[in-house]
Every structure is written in structure tokens, then in C-alpha cells.
C-alpha atoms as a PDB file:
ATOM      1  CA  UNK A   1      26.166  13.720-203.141  1.00  0.00           C
ATOM      2  CA  UNK A   2      29.398  12.957-201.554  1.00  0.00           C
ATOM      3  CA  UNK A   3      31.193  16.486-201.703  1.00  0.00           C
ATOM      4  CA  UNK A   4      34.721  15.316-202.878  1.00  0.00           C
ATOM      5  CA  UNK A   5      36.457  16.115-206.298  1.00  0.00           C
ATOM      6  CA  UNK A   6      37.325  13.202-208.774  1.00  0.00           C
ATOM      7  CA  UNK A   7      40.079  13.628-211.202  1.00  0.00           C
ATOM      8  CA  UNK A   8      38.675  12.317-214.032  1.00  0.00           C
ATOM      9  CA  UNK A   9      41.457  12.505-216.392  1.00  0.00           C
ATOM     10  CA  UNK A  10      43.413  10.530-213.610  1.00  0.00           C
ATOM     11  CA  UNK A  11      40.455   7.388-213.046  1.00  0.00           C
ATOM     12  CA  UNK A  12      40.013   7.474-216.959  1.00  0.00           C
ATOM     13  CA  UNK A  13      43.770   7.229-217.836  1.00  0.00           C
ATOM     14  CA  UNK A  14      43.962   4.940-215.189  1.00  0.00           C
ATOM     15  CA  UNK A  15      41.093   2.677-216.361  1.00  0.00           C
ATOM     16  CA  UNK A  16      42.336   2.663-220.190  1.00  0.00           C
ATOM     17  CA  UNK A  17      46.115   1.925-219.532  1.00  0.00           C
ATOM     18  CA  UNK A  18      45.840  -0.483-216.142  1.00  0.00           C
ATOM     19  CA  UNK A  19      45.919  -3.761-217.887  1.00  0.00           C
ATOM     20  CA  UNK A  20      47.259  -2.532-221.111  1.00  0.00           C
ATOM     21  CA  UNK A  21      50.748  -4.631-220.655  1.00  0.00           C
ATOM     22  CA  UNK A  22      48.699  -7.922-220.136  1.00  0.00           C
ATOM     23  CA  UNK A  23      49.292  -9.457-223.765  1.00  0.00           C
ATOM     24  CA  UNK A  24      52.712  -9.527-222.936  1.00  0.00           C
ATOM     25  CA  UNK A  25      52.434 -11.930-220.338  1.00  0.00           C
ATOM     26  CA  UNK A  26      50.506 -14.559-222.990  1.00  0.00           C
ATOM     27  CA  UNK A  27      51.347 -16.536-225.383  1.00  0.00           C
ATOM     28  CA  UNK A  28      48.646 -18.214-227.691  1.00  0.00           C
ATOM     29  CA  UNK A  29      48.354 -22.248-226.481  1.00  0.00           C
ATOM     30  CA  UNK A  30      50.169 -24.988-228.360  1.00  0.00           C
ATOM     31  CA  UNK A  31      46.049 -25.919-230.000  1.00  0.00           C
ATOM     32  CA  UNK A  32      45.761 -21.971-230.915  1.00  0.00           C
ATOM     33  CA  UNK A  33      42.402 -22.105-228.681  1.00  0.00           C
ATOM     34  CA  UNK A  34      43.545 -19.837-226.030  1.00  0.00           C
ATOM     35  CA  UNK A  35      46.464 -18.554-224.185  1.00  0.00           C
ATOM     36  CA  UNK A  36      49.016 -19.318-221.603  1.00  0.00           C
ATOM     37  CA  UNK A  37      51.404 -17.646-219.406  1.00  0.00           C
ATOM     38  CA  UNK A  38      54.719 -17.072-221.135  1.00  0.00           C
ATOM     39  CA  UNK A  39      57.028 -19.714-219.474  1.00  0.00           C
ATOM     40  CA  UNK A  40      59.949 -18.420-217.216  1.00  0.00           C
ATOM     41  CA  UNK A  41      58.508 -14.904-217.463  1.00  0.00           C
ATOM     42  CA  UNK A  42      58.191 -13.536-214.174  1.00  0.00           C
ATOM     43  CA  UNK A  43      56.985  -9.824-214.845  1.00  0.00           C
ATOM     44  CA  UNK A  44      53.659  -9.496-214.417  1.00  0.00           C
ATOM     45  CA  UNK A  45      51.600  -6.990-216.553  1.00  0.00           C
ATOM     46  CA  UNK A  46      51.711  -4.699-213.476  1.00  0.00           C
ATOM     47  CA  UNK A  47      55.524  -4.038-213.211  1.00  0.00           C
ATOM     48  CA  UNK A  48      55.736  -3.656-216.812  1.00  0.00           C
ATOM     49  CA  UNK A  49      52.973  -1.008-216.913  1.00  0.00           C
ATOM     50  CA  UNK A  50      54.163   1.119-214.155  1.00  0.00           C
ATOM     51  CA  UNK A  51      58.087   0.728-215.989  1.00  0.00           C
ATOM     52  CA  UNK A  52      56.471   1.916-219.178  1.00  0.00           C
ATOM     53  CA  UNK A  53      54.189   4.757-218.041  1.00  0.00           C
ATOM     54  CA  UNK A  54      57.415   5.828-215.811  1.00  0.00           C
ATOM     55  CA  UNK A  55      59.337   5.800-219.189  1.00  0.00           C
ATOM     56  CA  UNK A  56      56.953   7.593-220.761  1.00  0.00           C
ATOM     57  CA  UNK A  57      56.988  10.527-218.005  1.00  0.00           C
ATOM     58  CA  UNK A  58      53.219  10.011-217.122  1.00  0.00           C
ATOM     59  CA  UNK A  59      52.037  11.915-214.152  1.00  0.00           C
ATOM     60  CA  UNK A  60      52.698  10.472-210.574  1.00  0.00           C
ATOM     61  CA  UNK A  61      48.526  10.516-210.148  1.00  0.00           C
ATOM     62  CA  UNK A  62      48.354   8.188-213.069  1.00  0.00           C
ATOM     63  CA  UNK A  63      51.159   6.049-212.373  1.00  0.00           C
ATOM     64  CA  UNK A  64      49.586   5.507-208.398  1.00  0.00           C
ATOM     65  CA  UNK A  65      46.240   4.579-209.745  1.00  0.00           C
ATOM     66  CA  UNK A  66      47.806   2.222-212.209  1.00  0.00           C
ATOM     67  CA  UNK A  67      50.163   0.693-209.687  1.00  0.00           C
ATOM     68  CA  UNK A  68      47.229   0.589-207.352  1.00  0.00           C
ATOM     69  CA  UNK A  69      44.331  -1.215-209.202  1.00  0.00           C
ATOM     70  CA  UNK A  70      44.593  -4.371-207.403  1.00  0.00           C
ATOM     71  CA  UNK A  71      43.757  -2.910-204.153  1.00  0.00           C
ATOM     72  CA  UNK A  72      44.573  -4.645-201.182  1.00  0.00           C
ATOM     73  CA  UNK A  73      45.897  -7.733-203.219  1.00  0.00           C
ATOM     74  CA  UNK A  74      48.374  -5.862-204.788  1.00  0.00           C
ATOM     75  CA  UNK A  75      51.685  -4.663-203.867  1.00  0.00           C
ATOM     76  CA  UNK A  76      50.411  -0.950-203.388  1.00  0.00           C
ATOM     77  CA  UNK A  77      46.922  -0.219-202.030  1.00  0.00           C
ATOM     78  CA  UNK A  78      45.408   2.653-203.276  1.00  0.00           C
ATOM     79  CA  UNK A  79      45.646   5.663-201.622  1.00  0.00           C
ATOM     80  CA  UNK A  80      43.500   8.461-203.446  1.00  0.00           C
ATOM     81  CA  UNK A  81      39.691   7.933-204.160  1.00  0.00           C
ATOM     82  CA  UNK A  82      40.648   7.682-208.262  1.00  0.00           C
ATOM     83  CA  UNK A  83      42.767   4.458-206.965  1.00  0.00           C
ATOM     84  CA  UNK A  84      40.013   2.690-205.036  1.00  0.00           C
ATOM     85  CA  UNK A  85      37.223   3.217-208.239  1.00  0.00           C
ATOM     86  CA  UNK A  86      39.550   1.997-210.481  1.00  0.00           C
ATOM     87  CA  UNK A  87      40.154  -1.051-208.151  1.00  0.00           C
ATOM     88  CA  UNK A  88      36.561  -1.323-207.553  1.00  0.00           C
ATOM     89  CA  UNK A  89      35.767  -0.765-211.148  1.00  0.00           C
ATOM     90  CA  UNK A  90      38.236  -3.754-212.332  1.00  0.00           C
ATOM     91  CA  UNK A  91      37.257  -6.082-209.485  1.00  0.00           C
ATOM     92  CA  UNK A  92      33.657  -5.487-210.622  1.00  0.00           C
ATOM     93  CA  UNK A  93      34.487  -6.251-214.652  1.00  0.00           C
ATOM     94  CA  UNK A  94      36.218  -9.816-213.446  1.00  0.00           C
ATOM     95  CA  UNK A  95      33.250 -10.589-211.147  1.00  0.00           C
ATOM     96  CA  UNK A  96      31.022  -9.877-213.913  1.00  0.00           C
ATOM     97  CA  UNK A  97      32.799 -11.762-216.529  1.00  0.00           C
ATOM     98  CA  UNK A  98      33.233 -14.993-214.380  1.00  0.00           C
ATOM     99  CA  UNK A  99      29.442 -14.860-214.099  1.00  0.00           C
ATOM    100  CA  UNK A 100      28.965 -14.621-217.706  1.00  0.00           C
ATOM    101  CA  UNK A 101      31.377 -17.512-218.353  1.00  0.00           C
ATOM    102  CA  UNK A 102      29.387 -19.579-215.825  1.00  0.00           C
ATOM    103  CA  UNK A 103      26.067 -18.733-217.997  1.00  0.00           C
ATOM    104  CA  UNK A 104      27.923 -19.623-221.494  1.00  0.00           C
ATOM    105  CA  UNK A 105      29.106 -22.814-219.967  1.00  0.00           C
ATOM    106  CA  UNK A 106      25.437 -23.919-218.116  1.00  0.00           C
ATOM    107  CA  UNK A 107      23.359 -22.878-221.516  1.00  0.00           C
ATOM    108  CA  UNK A 108      26.106 -24.703-223.941  1.00  0.00           C
ATOM    109  CA  UNK A 109      25.639 -27.718-221.581  1.00  0.00           C
ATOM    110  CA  UNK A 110      22.089 -27.335-221.725  1.00  0.00           C
ATOM    111  CA  UNK A 111      21.646 -27.521-225.567  1.00  0.00           C
ATOM    112  CA  UNK A 112      24.926 -29.692-226.091  1.00  0.00           C
ATOM    113  CA  UNK A 113      27.508 -28.121-227.495  1.00  0.00           C
ATOM    114  CA  UNK A 114      31.275 -26.926-226.402  1.00  0.00           C
ATOM    115  CA  UNK A 115      31.371 -23.634-224.881  1.00  0.00           C
ATOM    116  CA  UNK A 116      33.981 -22.818-226.915  1.00  0.00           C
ATOM    117  CA  UNK A 117      31.615 -22.696-229.957  1.00  0.00           C
ATOM    118  CA  UNK A 118      29.683 -19.843-228.207  1.00  0.00           C
ATOM    119  CA  UNK A 119      32.497 -18.067-227.662  1.00  0.00           C
ATOM    120  CA  UNK A 120      33.247 -18.077-231.574  1.00  0.00           C
ATOM    121  CA  UNK A 121      30.131 -15.620-231.779  1.00  0.00           C
ATOM    122  CA  UNK A 122      29.586 -13.848-228.461  1.00  0.00           C
ATOM    123  CA  UNK A 123      31.561 -12.765-225.993  1.00  0.00           C
ATOM    124  CA  UNK A 124      30.976 -14.096-222.636  1.00  0.00           C
ATOM    125  CA  UNK A 125      29.572 -10.576-221.536  1.00  0.00           C
ATOM    126  CA  UNK A 126      27.055 -10.202-224.660  1.00  0.00           C
ATOM    127  CA  UNK A 127      25.259 -13.552-223.607  1.00  0.00           C
ATOM    128  CA  UNK A 128      25.187 -12.014-219.964  1.00  0.00           C
ATOM    129  CA  UNK A 129      23.498  -9.288-221.672  1.00  0.00           C
ATOM    130  CA  UNK A 130      20.824 -11.096-223.800  1.00  0.00           C
ATOM    131  CA  UNK A 131      19.962 -13.281-220.713  1.00  0.00           C
ATOM    132  CA  UNK A 132      19.598 -10.015-218.379  1.00  0.00           C
ATOM    133  CA  UNK A 133      17.214  -8.366-221.395  1.00  0.00           C
ATOM    134  CA  UNK A 134      15.630 -11.626-222.649  1.00  0.00           C
ATOM    135  CA  UNK A 135      15.764 -14.064-219.936  1.00  0.00           C
ATOM    136  CA  UNK A 136      17.399 -17.994-219.621  1.00  0.00           C
ATOM    137  CA  UNK A 137      14.886 -19.612-221.845  1.00  0.00           C
ATOM    138  CA  UNK A 138      14.919 -16.961-224.454  1.00  0.00           C
ATOM    139  CA  UNK A 139      18.509 -17.198-224.552  1.00  0.00           C
ATOM    140  CA  UNK A 140      18.414 -20.802-224.466  1.00  0.00           C
ATOM    141  CA  UNK A 141      15.805 -20.842-227.658  1.00  0.00           C
ATOM    142  CA  UNK A 142      18.467 -18.259-229.703  1.00  0.00           C
ATOM    143  CA  UNK A 143      21.178 -20.605-228.943  1.00  0.00           C
ATOM    144  CA  UNK A 144      19.015 -23.375-230.018  1.00  0.00           C
ATOM    145  CA  UNK A 145      18.433 -21.592-233.783  1.00  0.00           C
ATOM    146  CA  UNK A 146      22.061 -20.608-233.968  1.00  0.00           C
ATOM    147  CA  UNK A 147      23.310 -24.195-233.457  1.00  0.00           C
ATOM    148  CA  UNK A 148      20.576 -25.754-234.807  1.00  0.00           C
ATOM    149  CA  UNK A 149      19.954 -27.621-231.866  1.00  0.00           C
ATOM    150  CA  UNK A 150      16.487 -29.129-230.894  1.00  0.00           C
ATOM    151  CA  UNK A 151      15.668 -28.499-227.251  1.00  0.00           C
ATOM    152  CA  UNK A 152      15.844 -31.799-224.980  1.00  0.00           C
ATOM    153  CA  UNK A 153      13.216 -30.156-222.676  1.00  0.00           C
ATOM    154  CA  UNK A 154      10.710 -29.449-225.727  1.00  0.00           C
ATOM    155  CA  UNK A 155       8.713 -32.538-224.671  1.00  0.00           C
ATOM    156  CA  UNK A 156       8.663 -32.227-220.969  1.00  0.00           C
END
């Protein structure tokens, strides 16, 4: 459509690798229910992944796409179409995950359970998918059944 060439290999490699070092920035929290940033560890995932890719002789095009995936908010703005595509794909991914978490929080509140109980069975994006396909009321019904909760609004 736009008469441009996109290097799919660079884009896919960047998509797969851009957050690969994130686990090295977190430890399990003291309750074992989530994760916290490692205290006094000041190298964020972007620095770590760029160093690792450079050390392993990855093509500079891949390193640049990975290094610029935070877009205008990062230390390096994308200077290729692949970089901008990855940045916006990552942004959309984060945005959709935020929406999905809000849906989980709302449905957990509706049926009177802790949202963590939902996360033990479903990812937030799976809940988002079910809601999109079946609707809010059907999702609420399914969660009521799964968690053996009576619908508080049944008589209304």
C-alpha cells in the first residue's frame, strides 16, 4: 500500500528480543504474589539487551530497532520504519494489557472476589478476549460459575 520495503526479519527479531532481559530486573516479592524491581540495580532491561545483542554480534539493524523500541520516551528514537512499527506495537500491547487488567478488576469487584483469583486461571488478555467475543454479562456469568458465586444483581 505504501510502496516501502520493511525488513520483516529485523522487525520480527526486534519483536522477539526487545524485552528479553526484563526478568533480570525483577525478583519475586516477599509475599510470593508478584514481582518487584531488584533494589539498587540500576541497569534497566534496555541497557542489558543492547549490551547482550552487541556482545553476541547481532546485526546493527536489529540492535537499533531493539534500542529504540521505547520511541520518543527512550534514550534513542527510532530512525527506521521497523523501529517505529516495533515501538507502536509495544505501546499497543501495553495499552491493551492495561485495559484487560481494568476489566479483570471490574469483574472481580462485580462478583466479590480478589482479582488475583482470576489471574490464577486466566491472563488479563484472555479475559479481554472472552469479553470481546461474548460480552460483559456473559463473562460475568462464566466467572460466577467458575468461582461458585451467586450473582448479586440476579433479583434486580
